[in-house]
Protein backbone atom coordinates (compact mmCIF):
# COMPACT_ATOMS: atom_id res chain seq x y z
CA MET A 1 0.00 0.00 0.00
CA CYS A 2 1.26 3.42 -0.89
CA GLY A 3 0.98 5.89 2.00
CA ILE A 4 1.28 9.65 2.33
CA ASP A 5 3.42 10.98 5.16
CA GLY A 6 2.38 13.99 7.28
CA LEU A 7 4.04 16.49 4.94
CA GLY A 8 2.43 14.81 1.95
CA MET A 9 -0.99 15.14 3.58
CA GLN A 10 -0.36 18.84 4.19
CA ARG A 11 0.65 19.30 0.57
CA TRP A 12 -2.44 17.42 -0.59
CA ALA A 13 -4.69 19.56 1.60
CA VAL A 14 -3.16 22.72 0.13
CA PHE A 15 -3.44 21.29 -3.38
CA LYS A 16 -7.10 20.36 -2.91
CA GLY A 17 -8.02 23.49 -1.01
CA GLU A 18 -6.66 27.00 -1.40
CA GLN A 19 -4.30 26.29 -4.29
CA MET A 20 -7.06 24.87 -6.47
CA GLN A 21 -9.30 27.90 -6.14
CA ILE A 22 -9.46 30.28 -9.05
CA LYS A 23 -9.90 33.93 -8.12
CA ARG A 24 -10.75 36.50 -10.76
CA TYR A 25 -10.27 40.25 -10.34
CA GLU A 26 -11.86 43.12 -12.23
CA SER A 27 -13.89 40.72 -14.33
CA GLY A 28 -16.16 41.63 -17.17
CA THR A 29 -18.09 39.67 -19.75
CA ARG A 30 -15.07 39.16 -21.97
CA MET A 31 -12.11 38.99 -19.61
CA SER A 32 -10.62 39.47 -16.16
CA GLN A 33 -7.73 41.83 -15.52
CA ALA A 34 -6.11 39.29 -13.18
CA VAL A 35 -6.63 35.60 -12.45
CA VAL A 36 -4.97 33.88 -9.50
CA HIS A 37 -4.51 30.12 -9.44
CA GLY A 38 -1.97 27.72 -8.03
CA GLY A 39 0.28 30.39 -6.53
CA PHE A 40 0.44 32.42 -9.73
CA VAL A 41 -1.28 35.53 -11.03
CA PHE A 42 -1.92 35.93 -14.74
CA LEU A 43 -2.53 39.50 -15.85
CA ALA A 44 -4.41 40.42 -19.00
CA GLY A 45 -2.46 42.47 -21.49
CA GLN A 46 -2.42 46.01 -20.16
CA VAL A 47 -2.68 49.12 -22.32
CA ALA A 48 -2.52 52.83 -21.53
CA ASP A 49 -5.60 54.83 -20.56
CA ASP A 50 -4.19 58.07 -21.96
CA THR A 51 -3.26 57.21 -25.52
CA SER A 52 -2.31 60.81 -26.32
CA GLN A 53 1.05 60.09 -24.68
CA ASP A 54 4.05 58.77 -26.57
CA VAL A 55 5.33 55.22 -26.09
CA LYS A 56 7.34 56.21 -22.99
CA GLY A 57 4.25 57.71 -21.38
CA GLN A 58 2.10 54.74 -22.33
CA THR A 59 4.72 52.34 -20.98
CA ALA A 60 4.87 54.18 -17.63
CA GLN A 61 1.07 54.08 -17.38
CA ILE A 62 0.99 50.36 -18.08
CA LEU A 63 3.68 49.58 -15.53
CA ALA A 64 1.74 51.53 -12.90
CA LYS A 65 -1.39 49.50 -13.76
CA ILE A 66 0.61 46.28 -13.45
CA GLU A 67 1.90 47.32 -10.02
CA ARG A 68 -1.64 48.16 -8.87
CA LEU A 69 -3.02 44.81 -10.02
CA LEU A 70 -0.15 42.87 -8.47
CA GLU A 71 -0.64 44.68 -5.17
CA LYS A 72 -4.37 43.94 -5.28
CA VAL A 73 -3.71 40.18 -5.40
CA GLY A 74 -0.88 40.16 -2.85
CA SER A 75 2.11 40.23 -5.17
CA ASP A 76 4.58 42.83 -6.43
CA LYS A 77 6.97 43.50 -9.30
CA THR A 78 9.81 41.55 -7.64
CA LYS A 79 7.72 38.40 -8.14
CA ILE A 80 7.14 38.79 -11.88
CA LEU A 81 8.24 35.58 -13.57
CA SER A 82 7.46 36.36 -17.19
CA ALA A 83 6.58 39.43 -19.25
CA ASN A 84 5.31 39.68 -22.81
CA ILE A 85 5.61 43.03 -24.54
CA TRP A 86 3.89 43.84 -27.81
CA LEU A 87 5.08 46.96 -29.64
CA ALA A 88 3.13 48.62 -32.43
CA SER A 89 6.51 49.60 -33.89
CA TYR A 90 9.85 48.02 -33.15
CA ALA A 91 11.34 51.51 -33.62
CA SER A 92 10.14 52.24 -30.05
CA TYR A 93 12.15 49.34 -28.54
CA ASN A 94 14.86 51.55 -26.99
CA ASP A 95 12.33 54.04 -25.59
CA VAL A 96 10.36 51.23 -23.95
CA ASN A 97 13.53 49.68 -22.53
CA GLU A 98 14.52 53.01 -20.98
CA ILE A 99 11.30 53.03 -18.92
CA TRP A 100 11.28 49.25 -18.34
CA ASP A 101 14.90 49.10 -17.12
CA ALA A 102 14.30 51.91 -14.61
CA TRP A 103 11.16 50.13 -13.34
CA VAL A 104 12.47 46.57 -12.91
CA PRO A 105 14.22 46.14 -9.54
CA GLU A 106 17.91 45.30 -9.88
CA GLY A 107 18.45 41.55 -9.82
CA GLU A 108 14.72 40.82 -10.27
CA ALA A 109 14.38 40.85 -14.07
CA PRO A 110 11.78 38.37 -15.32
CA ALA A 111 11.93 36.21 -18.40
CA ARG A 112 10.76 38.47 -21.20
CA ALA A 113 9.64 38.46 -24.82
CA CYS A 114 9.26 41.62 -26.87
CA VAL A 115 7.78 41.56 -30.35
CA GLU A 116 6.42 43.94 -32.94
CA SER A 117 2.73 43.34 -33.46
CA LYS A 118 -0.31 45.06 -34.86
CA LEU A 119 -2.30 45.97 -31.75
CA ALA A 120 -6.10 45.91 -31.50
CA PHE A 121 -6.46 49.69 -31.89
CA PRO A 122 -4.06 52.12 -33.59
CA GLN A 123 -3.88 54.54 -30.64
CA TYR A 124 -2.04 51.93 -28.55
CA THR A 125 1.73 51.89 -28.98
CA ILE A 126 2.43 49.09 -26.50
CA GLU A 127 0.74 46.31 -24.55
CA ILE A 128 2.27 44.33 -21.68
CA GLY A 129 1.12 41.11 -20.02
CA VAL A 130 2.80 39.42 -17.05
CA ILE A 131 2.70 36.27 -14.96
CA ALA A 132 3.86 36.57 -11.35
CA ALA A 133 4.10 34.48 -8.21
CA VAL A 134 1.64 35.27 -5.43
């Protein structure tokens, strides 16, 4: 017979209980801004609210939104594991990196992908999505 020791039972209880719950934040009909499951938070792609700003301004807005969402679920930017960045124009890569590099805490850089992509609406110059530990 295969048994589970005391620590294994604790792990199983966590697995079956709190870790298996899915919590959604700022949900609408189409999407949630954040979903927490299994010790991770998955953020929807974030875009700027004030699209009259250039790519640096839009990037700063997005990073502030990411920080707010992470804080809301009990995480922070030091726990970001992965970031995906979509740029409307790769010509803005250096401008985005200037803001990004100042924002990411030293020694806490996540895995990252950055690609040029046609975004959903032309007023957006950048979109960023992250996955973080909670």
